Amino acid sequence: MQIEVRLFASLRKYADDKSRIEMEDGTDVSAFMERIGVPPDEVAIILVNGRHAVQDQVLQDGQAVSLFPPIAGG
């Protein structure tokens, strides 16, 4: 199945110019992050098709996974 990769801010370095990757059916968000090399402790927000998700959520063909790092500000 094809999954769209959307990485933001400091996580963009893990994209390697990939906009889509091929994953096995039944893959969850955690396995997706491992495949693209994003350490779980660097991710604060996970969205699947624009909706909040968790690492054990199973992905479906054609979905978009957005990952955001922790954001600090003043």
C-alpha atoms as a PDB file:
ATOM      1  CA  MET A   1       0.000   0.000   0.000  1.00  0.00           C
ATOM      2  CA  GLN A   2       1.092   3.593  -0.629  1.00  0.00           C
ATOM      3  CA  ILE A   3       1.346   6.025   2.301  1.00  0.00           C
ATOM      4  CA  GLU A   4       1.938   9.754   1.858  1.00  0.00           C
ATOM      5  CA  VAL A   5       4.769  11.148   4.005  1.00  0.00           C
ATOM      6  CA  ARG A   6       4.352  14.625   5.546  1.00  0.00           C
ATOM      7  CA  LEU A   7       7.102  15.681   7.932  1.00  0.00           C
ATOM      8  CA  PHE A   8       7.307  19.124   9.505  1.00  0.00           C
ATOM      9  CA  ALA A   9       9.974  21.376  11.026  1.00  0.00           C
ATOM     10  CA  SER A  10      12.980  19.435  12.376  1.00  0.00           C
ATOM     11  CA  LEU A  11      11.516  16.099  11.208  1.00  0.00           C
ATOM     12  CA  ARG A  12      11.911  17.019   7.527  1.00  0.00           C
ATOM     13  CA  LYS A  13      15.484  15.733   7.636  1.00  0.00           C
ATOM     14  CA  TYR A  14      14.084  12.173   7.709  1.00  0.00           C
ATOM     15  CA  ALA A  15      12.082  12.546   4.492  1.00  0.00           C
ATOM     16  CA  ASP A  16      14.937  11.987   2.012  1.00  0.00           C
ATOM     17  CA  ASP A  17      12.737  13.715  -0.573  1.00  0.00           C
ATOM     18  CA  LYS A  18      10.144  10.950  -0.297  1.00  0.00           C
ATOM     19  CA  SER A  19       6.552  11.997  -0.678  1.00  0.00           C
ATOM     20  CA  ARG A  20       5.162   8.438  -0.694  1.00  0.00           C
ATOM     21  CA  ILE A  21       6.434   5.105   0.492  1.00  0.00           C
ATOM     22  CA  GLU A  22       5.306   1.552  -0.055  1.00  0.00           C
ATOM     23  CA  MET A  23       4.277  -0.293   3.132  1.00  0.00           C
ATOM     24  CA  GLU A  24       2.892  -3.750   3.879  1.00  0.00           C
ATOM     25  CA  ASP A  25      -0.849  -4.090   4.507  1.00  0.00           C
ATOM     26  CA  GLY A  26      -1.644  -3.867   8.209  1.00  0.00           C
ATOM     27  CA  THR A  27       1.249  -1.515   8.977  1.00  0.00           C
ATOM     28  CA  ASP A  28       0.681   0.793  11.929  1.00  0.00           C
ATOM     29  CA  VAL A  29       2.006   4.315  12.488  1.00  0.00           C
ATOM     30  CA  SER A  30       4.843   3.035  14.682  1.00  0.00           C
ATOM     31  CA  ALA A  31       6.158   0.746  11.921  1.00  0.00           C
ATOM     32  CA  PHE A  32       5.774   3.598   9.417  1.00  0.00           C
ATOM     33  CA  MET A  33       7.911   5.870  11.616  1.00  0.00           C
ATOM     34  CA  GLU A  34      10.528   3.135  12.019  1.00  0.00           C
ATOM     35  CA  ARG A  35      10.641   2.581   8.258  1.00  0.00           C
ATOM     36  CA  ILE A  36      11.362   6.243   7.516  1.00  0.00           C
ATOM     37  CA  GLY A  37      13.793   6.518  10.437  1.00  0.00           C
ATOM     38  CA  VAL A  38      11.905   8.955  12.693  1.00  0.00           C
ATOM     39  CA  PRO A  39      12.605   8.312  16.400  1.00  0.00           C
ATOM     40  CA  PRO A  40       9.304   8.151  18.342  1.00  0.00           C
ATOM     41  CA  ASP A  41      10.628  10.461  21.048  1.00  0.00           C
ATOM     42  CA  GLU A  42      11.011  13.245  18.452  1.00  0.00           C
ATOM     43  CA  VAL A  43       7.303  13.166  17.546  1.00  0.00           C
ATOM     44  CA  ALA A  44       4.728  15.127  19.539  1.00  0.00           C
ATOM     45  CA  ILE A  45       1.753  15.127  17.165  1.00  0.00           C
ATOM     46  CA  ILE A  46       0.602  12.450  14.707  1.00  0.00           C
ATOM     47  CA  LEU A  47      -2.127  13.084  12.173  1.00  0.00           C
ATOM     48  CA  VAL A  48      -3.568  10.564   9.711  1.00  0.00           C
ATOM     49  CA  ASN A  49      -5.533  12.293   6.960  1.00  0.00           C
ATOM     50  CA  GLY A  50      -5.659  15.399   9.142  1.00  0.00           C
ATOM     51  CA  ARG A  51      -7.055  13.652  12.229  1.00  0.00           C
ATOM     52  CA  HIS A  52      -5.270  12.972  15.496  1.00  0.00           C
ATOM     53  CA  ALA A  53      -3.782   9.468  15.590  1.00  0.00           C
ATOM     54  CA  VAL A  54      -1.723   7.225  17.870  1.00  0.00           C
ATOM     55  CA  GLN A  55       1.287   5.041  17.110  1.00  0.00           C
ATOM     56  CA  ASP A  56      -0.655   1.767  17.109  1.00  0.00           C
ATOM     57  CA  GLN A  57      -3.233   2.979  14.569  1.00  0.00           C
ATOM     58  CA  VAL A  58      -3.302   0.716  11.499  1.00  0.00           C
ATOM     59  CA  LEU A  59      -2.857   2.562   8.210  1.00  0.00           C
ATOM     60  CA  GLN A  60      -4.861   2.111   5.008  1.00  0.00           C
ATOM     61  CA  ASP A  61      -3.762   2.481   1.393  1.00  0.00           C
ATOM     62  CA  GLY A  62      -3.593   6.095   0.240  1.00  0.00           C
ATOM     63  CA  GLN A  63      -3.580   7.696   3.684  1.00  0.00           C
ATOM     64  CA  ALA A  64      -1.363  10.651   4.562  1.00  0.00           C
ATOM     65  CA  VAL A  65       0.660  10.590   7.788  1.00  0.00           C
ATOM     66  CA  SER A  66       1.755  13.957   9.189  1.00  0.00           C
ATOM     67  CA  LEU A  67       4.354  14.064  11.955  1.00  0.00           C
ATOM     68  CA  PHE A  68       5.183  17.139  14.042  1.00  0.00           C
ATOM     69  CA  PRO A  69       7.973  17.587  16.605  1.00  0.00           C
ATOM     70  CA  PRO A  70       7.448  19.230  20.002  1.00  0.00           C
ATOM     71  CA  ILE A  71       7.163  22.968  19.578  1.00  0.00           C
ATOM     72  CA  ALA A  72       8.411  25.468  22.128  1.00  0.00           C
ATOM     73  CA  GLY A  73       7.814  29.134  22.094  1.00  0.00           C
ATOM     74  CA  GLY A  74       7.395  32.180  24.175  1.00  0.00           C
END
